[in-house]
C-alpha atoms as a PDB file:
ATOM      1  CA  MET A   1       0.000   0.000   0.000  1.00  0.00           C
ATOM      2  CA  SER A   2       1.314   3.402  -0.992  1.00  0.00           C
ATOM      3  CA  ILE A   3       0.186   6.720   0.432  1.00  0.00           C
ATOM      4  CA  ASP A   4      -0.023   9.678  -1.927  1.00  0.00           C
ATOM      5  CA  TRP A   5       1.304  12.343   0.454  1.00  0.00           C
ATOM      6  CA  HIS A   6       0.753  15.183  -2.007  1.00  0.00           C
ATOM      7  CA  ALA A   7      -2.942  14.364  -2.349  1.00  0.00           C
ATOM      8  CA  LEU A   8      -3.287  13.939   1.402  1.00  0.00           C
ATOM      9  CA  GLY A   9      -1.623  17.309   1.983  1.00  0.00           C
ATOM     10  CA  SER A  10      -3.882  18.968  -0.587  1.00  0.00           C
ATOM     11  CA  VAL A  11      -6.980  17.584   1.099  1.00  0.00           C
ATOM     12  CA  LEU A  12      -5.683  18.731   4.482  1.00  0.00           C
ATOM     13  CA  VAL A  13      -4.994  22.297   3.307  1.00  0.00           C
ATOM     14  CA  VAL A  14      -8.321  22.668   1.482  1.00  0.00           C
ATOM     15  CA  THR A  15     -10.205  21.270   4.468  1.00  0.00           C
ATOM     16  CA  LEU A  16      -8.508  23.596   6.931  1.00  0.00           C
ATOM     17  CA  LEU A  17      -8.965  26.692   4.764  1.00  0.00           C
ATOM     18  CA  SER A  18     -12.607  25.979   3.996  1.00  0.00           C
ATOM     19  CA  THR A  19     -13.395  25.210   7.640  1.00  0.00           C
ATOM     20  CA  VAL A  20     -11.748  28.387   8.903  1.00  0.00           C
ATOM     21  CA  GLY A  21     -13.456  30.407   6.176  1.00  0.00           C
ATOM     22  CA  LEU A  22     -16.896  28.945   6.868  1.00  0.00           C
ATOM     23  CA  VAL A  23     -16.577  29.475  10.619  1.00  0.00           C
ATOM     24  CA  GLY A  24     -15.388  33.032   9.985  1.00  0.00           C
ATOM     25  CA  VAL A  25     -18.352  33.844   7.755  1.00  0.00           C
ATOM     26  CA  PHE A  26     -20.770  32.337  10.281  1.00  0.00           C
ATOM     27  CA  THR A  27     -19.120  34.380  13.042  1.00  0.00           C
ATOM     28  CA  LEU A  28     -19.614  37.554  11.014  1.00  0.00           C
ATOM     29  CA  GLY A  29     -23.295  36.670  10.737  1.00  0.00           C
ATOM     30  CA  VAL A  30     -23.641  36.146  14.475  1.00  0.00           C
ATOM     31  CA  VAL A  31     -21.848  39.413  15.215  1.00  0.00           C
ATOM     32  CA  GLY A  32     -24.044  41.223  12.702  1.00  0.00           C
ATOM     33  CA  LEU A  33     -27.182  40.038  14.468  1.00  0.00           C
ATOM     34  CA  SER A  34     -25.904  40.616  17.987  1.00  0.00           C
ATOM     35  CA  ARG A  35     -25.036  44.304  17.574  1.00  0.00           C
ATOM     36  CA  PRO A  36     -28.012  46.543  18.293  1.00  0.00           C
ATOM     37  CA  ALA A  37     -28.133  49.399  15.812  1.00  0.00           C
ATOM     38  CA  ALA A  38     -30.957  51.617  14.735  1.00  0.00           C
ATOM     39  CA  GLY A  39     -31.740  53.094  11.372  1.00  0.00           C
ATOM     40  CA  PRO A  40     -29.986  52.312   8.100  1.00  0.00           C
ATOM     41  CA  ALA A  41     -26.880  50.973   9.850  1.00  0.00           C
ATOM     42  CA  GLY A  42     -28.968  48.376  11.687  1.00  0.00           C
ATOM     43  CA  THR A  43     -30.690  47.354   8.486  1.00  0.00           C
ATOM     44  CA  ALA A  44     -27.339  46.971   6.727  1.00  0.00           C
ATOM     45  CA  LEU A  45     -25.919  44.907   9.604  1.00  0.00           C
ATOM     46  CA  ARG A  46     -28.939  42.626   9.660  1.00  0.00           C
ATOM     47  CA  GLY A  47     -28.876  42.229   5.875  1.00  0.00           C
ATOM     48  CA  GLY A  48     -25.153  41.446   5.922  1.00  0.00           C
ATOM     49  CA  ALA A  49     -25.725  38.857   8.631  1.00  0.00           C
ATOM     50  CA  TYR A  50     -28.415  37.164   6.550  1.00  0.00           C
ATOM     51  CA  VAL A  51     -26.063  37.129   3.551  1.00  0.00           C
ATOM     52  CA  CYS A  52     -23.407  35.453   5.715  1.00  0.00           C
ATOM     53  CA  PHE A  53     -25.865  32.805   6.880  1.00  0.00           C
ATOM     54  CA  ALA A  54     -27.028  32.219   3.303  1.00  0.00           C
ATOM     55  CA  ALA A  55     -23.408  31.761   2.205  1.00  0.00           C
ATOM     56  CA  CYS A  56     -22.884  29.200   4.969  1.00  0.00           C
ATOM     57  CA  ALA A  57     -26.032  27.334   3.992  1.00  0.00           C
ATOM     58  CA  ALA A  58     -24.957  27.338   0.338  1.00  0.00           C
ATOM     59  CA  ALA A  59     -21.511  25.996   1.238  1.00  0.00           C
ATOM     60  CA  VAL A  60     -23.011  23.192   3.329  1.00  0.00           C
ATOM     61  CA  ALA A  61     -25.517  22.308   0.595  1.00  0.00           C
ATOM     62  CA  TRP A  62     -22.734  22.261  -2.003  1.00  0.00           C
ATOM     63  CA  GLY A  63     -20.639  19.958   0.208  1.00  0.00           C
ATOM     64  CA  ILE A  64     -23.555  17.573   0.665  1.00  0.00           C
ATOM     65  CA  TRP A  65     -24.198  17.641  -3.084  1.00  0.00           C
ATOM     66  CA  LEU A  66     -20.533  16.800  -3.761  1.00  0.00           C
ATOM     67  CA  ILE A  67     -20.701  13.826  -1.405  1.00  0.00           C
ATOM     68  CA  VAL A  68     -24.042  12.472  -2.616  1.00  0.00           C
ATOM     69  CA  ALA A  69     -23.725  13.107  -6.379  1.00  0.00           C
ATOM     70  CA  LYS A  70     -22.222  10.316  -8.418  1.00  0.00           C
END
């Protein structure tokens, strides 16, 4: 049995980067919803938070599609 270290390293790097990115985007969404702001700034924060959550949901759905699709 031979281990392809280059492929294993590539998978490791992509996994780490995508996980950190996804957690970061989700964190921005939580912060956007937790800051009380009135007026247009509050609307922009809330809208940005919803965009972050939508991006996270899209990334999760895409990952599930990659696993399930054959």
